[in-house]
């Protein structure tokens, strides 16, 4: 699954790093449309830090992505989380927008909530290596 995190702030950078460490294909260069509508459709997450915000705001529609991320953010956040459905900018089940206050605990709630939510939706595929057969020559071990 390919994920695009939009945002040039500390929270967005940390979320990108966590997702890469977990094995997700995180892109910074592909356009959002290519990520959400490609043959292996992924997700686009916009993270904005706002010094005026006093709680986390979620801009999305009712979809599995919202449910998974919202569940984990509300578990990790000490403050209430506001969901903005009718008047928001997001109108796709493959996108979500998050506005985060400058509080470090709230930033971490978003970073780990995004990681846990995406992991719940579909963990990245792990490469499984097959052991070489016993007594195989060196080229059979490499190319088997």
Protein backbone atom coordinates (compact mmCIF):
# COMPACT_ATOMS: atom_id res chain seq x y z
CA UNK A 1 0.00 0.00 0.00
CA UNK A 2 1.37 3.41 -0.99
CA UNK A 3 0.89 6.35 1.38
CA UNK A 4 1.43 10.04 0.73
CA UNK A 5 1.80 12.32 3.73
CA UNK A 6 1.29 15.97 2.76
CA UNK A 7 2.84 18.51 5.10
CA UNK A 8 6.22 20.04 5.81
CA UNK A 9 6.01 20.17 9.59
CA UNK A 10 7.50 18.09 12.38
CA UNK A 11 4.40 15.94 12.83
CA UNK A 12 4.20 15.06 9.12
CA UNK A 13 7.94 14.25 8.99
CA UNK A 14 7.68 12.02 12.06
CA UNK A 15 4.64 10.21 10.61
CA UNK A 16 6.56 9.60 7.35
CA UNK A 17 9.47 8.17 9.30
CA UNK A 18 7.29 5.88 11.41
CA UNK A 19 5.47 4.55 8.34
CA UNK A 20 8.74 3.90 6.51
CA UNK A 21 10.13 2.02 9.51
CA UNK A 22 6.96 -0.08 9.58
CA UNK A 23 7.46 -1.05 5.93
CA UNK A 24 4.92 1.18 4.17
CA UNK A 25 5.75 2.64 0.75
CA UNK A 26 5.74 6.35 1.60
CA UNK A 27 5.95 8.75 -1.32
CA UNK A 28 6.65 12.45 -1.35
CA UNK A 29 6.84 13.06 -5.09
CA UNK A 30 3.80 11.39 -6.65
CA UNK A 31 0.69 13.54 -7.02
CA UNK A 32 -2.19 12.70 -4.69
CA UNK A 33 -4.36 11.50 -7.60
CA UNK A 34 -1.72 8.96 -8.65
CA UNK A 35 -1.65 7.52 -5.12
CA UNK A 36 -5.41 7.27 -4.59
CA UNK A 37 -6.43 6.17 -8.08
CA UNK A 38 -3.49 4.06 -9.21
CA UNK A 39 -3.61 0.31 -9.79
CA UNK A 40 -2.49 -0.31 -6.20
CA UNK A 41 -4.54 2.45 -4.60
CA UNK A 42 -3.18 3.93 -1.42
CA UNK A 43 -4.02 6.76 0.95
CA UNK A 44 -3.29 10.47 1.16
CA UNK A 45 -2.99 12.05 4.61
CA UNK A 46 -2.62 15.80 5.06
CA UNK A 47 -1.15 16.91 8.38
CA UNK A 48 -1.19 20.62 9.28
CA UNK A 49 0.16 22.05 12.52
CA UNK A 50 -1.79 25.07 13.70
CA UNK A 51 -0.74 27.13 16.72
CA UNK A 52 -4.31 28.44 17.10
CA UNK A 53 -5.86 24.96 17.35
CA UNK A 54 -6.68 23.72 20.84
CA UNK A 55 -7.57 20.14 19.82
CA UNK A 56 -7.14 17.76 16.90
CA UNK A 57 -9.46 18.34 13.94
CA UNK A 58 -10.20 15.54 11.45
CA UNK A 59 -11.43 16.38 7.94
CA UNK A 60 -12.79 13.27 6.23
CA UNK A 61 -15.83 11.32 5.17
CA UNK A 62 -17.32 8.26 6.85
CA UNK A 63 -15.00 5.47 5.64
CA UNK A 64 -12.73 2.70 6.98
CA UNK A 65 -9.67 5.00 6.83
CA UNK A 66 -11.36 7.56 9.06
CA UNK A 67 -12.64 4.92 11.46
CA UNK A 68 -9.24 3.27 11.89
CA UNK A 69 -7.22 6.46 12.34
CA UNK A 70 -9.86 8.19 14.48
CA UNK A 71 -10.12 5.19 16.81
CA UNK A 72 -6.40 5.25 17.57
CA UNK A 73 -6.06 9.03 17.78
CA UNK A 74 -8.90 9.24 20.31
CA UNK A 75 -7.29 6.50 22.39
CA UNK A 76 -3.95 8.33 22.43
CA UNK A 77 -5.16 11.93 22.79
CA UNK A 78 -6.01 13.49 26.13
CA UNK A 79 -8.14 16.18 24.51
CA UNK A 80 -11.35 15.82 22.52
CA UNK A 81 -11.08 15.19 18.77
CA UNK A 82 -13.37 17.09 16.40
CA UNK A 83 -14.60 15.45 13.18
CA UNK A 84 -15.49 17.88 10.37
CA UNK A 85 -17.52 15.96 7.80
CA UNK A 86 -20.08 18.18 6.10
CA UNK A 87 -18.04 21.32 5.49
CA UNK A 88 -14.60 19.83 4.97
CA UNK A 89 -12.34 19.77 1.95
CA UNK A 90 -11.94 15.99 1.80
CA UNK A 91 -14.52 14.11 -0.29
CA UNK A 92 -12.75 10.78 -0.89
CA UNK A 93 -12.58 7.58 1.12
CA UNK A 94 -8.83 7.45 0.35
CA UNK A 95 -7.96 10.81 1.95
CA UNK A 96 -7.97 12.35 5.40
CA UNK A 97 -6.91 15.74 6.71
CA UNK A 98 -5.62 16.35 10.22
CA UNK A 99 -5.09 19.70 11.96
CA UNK A 100 -2.85 19.30 14.98
CA UNK A 101 -2.15 21.78 17.82
CA UNK A 102 1.43 22.65 18.79
CA UNK A 103 1.22 20.40 21.88
CA UNK A 104 3.80 17.56 21.72
CA UNK A 105 1.45 14.97 23.23
CA UNK A 106 -1.18 15.73 20.60
CA UNK A 107 1.42 15.50 17.82
CA UNK A 108 2.48 12.07 19.07
CA UNK A 109 -1.16 10.97 19.26
CA UNK A 110 -1.55 11.84 15.57
CA UNK A 111 1.77 10.26 14.52
CA UNK A 112 1.11 6.96 16.24
CA UNK A 113 -2.63 7.06 15.50
CA UNK A 114 -1.88 7.27 11.77
CA UNK A 115 0.63 4.42 12.04
CA UNK A 116 -1.72 2.18 14.00
CA UNK A 117 -4.72 3.01 11.84
CA UNK A 118 -2.94 2.23 8.58
CA UNK A 119 -1.48 -0.94 10.08
CA UNK A 120 -5.00 -2.00 11.03
CA UNK A 121 -6.27 -1.38 7.48
CA UNK A 122 -3.60 -3.47 5.85
CA UNK A 123 -0.13 -4.21 7.08
CA UNK A 124 2.60 -3.90 4.47
CA UNK A 125 3.71 -7.16 2.91
CA UNK A 126 6.83 -8.64 4.42
CA UNK A 127 9.35 -10.36 2.17
CA UNK A 128 9.68 -14.01 3.07
CA UNK A 129 12.95 -15.65 2.14
CA UNK A 130 12.98 -19.33 1.32
CA UNK A 131 15.90 -21.31 2.71
CA UNK A 132 18.19 -22.90 0.13
CA UNK A 133 17.90 -26.67 -0.15
CA UNK A 134 20.55 -28.66 1.69
CA UNK A 135 23.49 -29.63 -0.51
CA UNK A 136 22.71 -26.99 -3.14
CA UNK A 137 25.58 -25.39 -5.04
CA UNK A 138 26.33 -21.69 -4.63
CA UNK A 139 24.41 -20.62 -7.74
CA UNK A 140 21.36 -22.69 -6.72
CA UNK A 141 21.38 -20.95 -3.34
CA UNK A 142 21.42 -17.52 -4.99
CA UNK A 143 18.91 -18.14 -7.78
CA UNK A 144 16.50 -20.55 -6.07
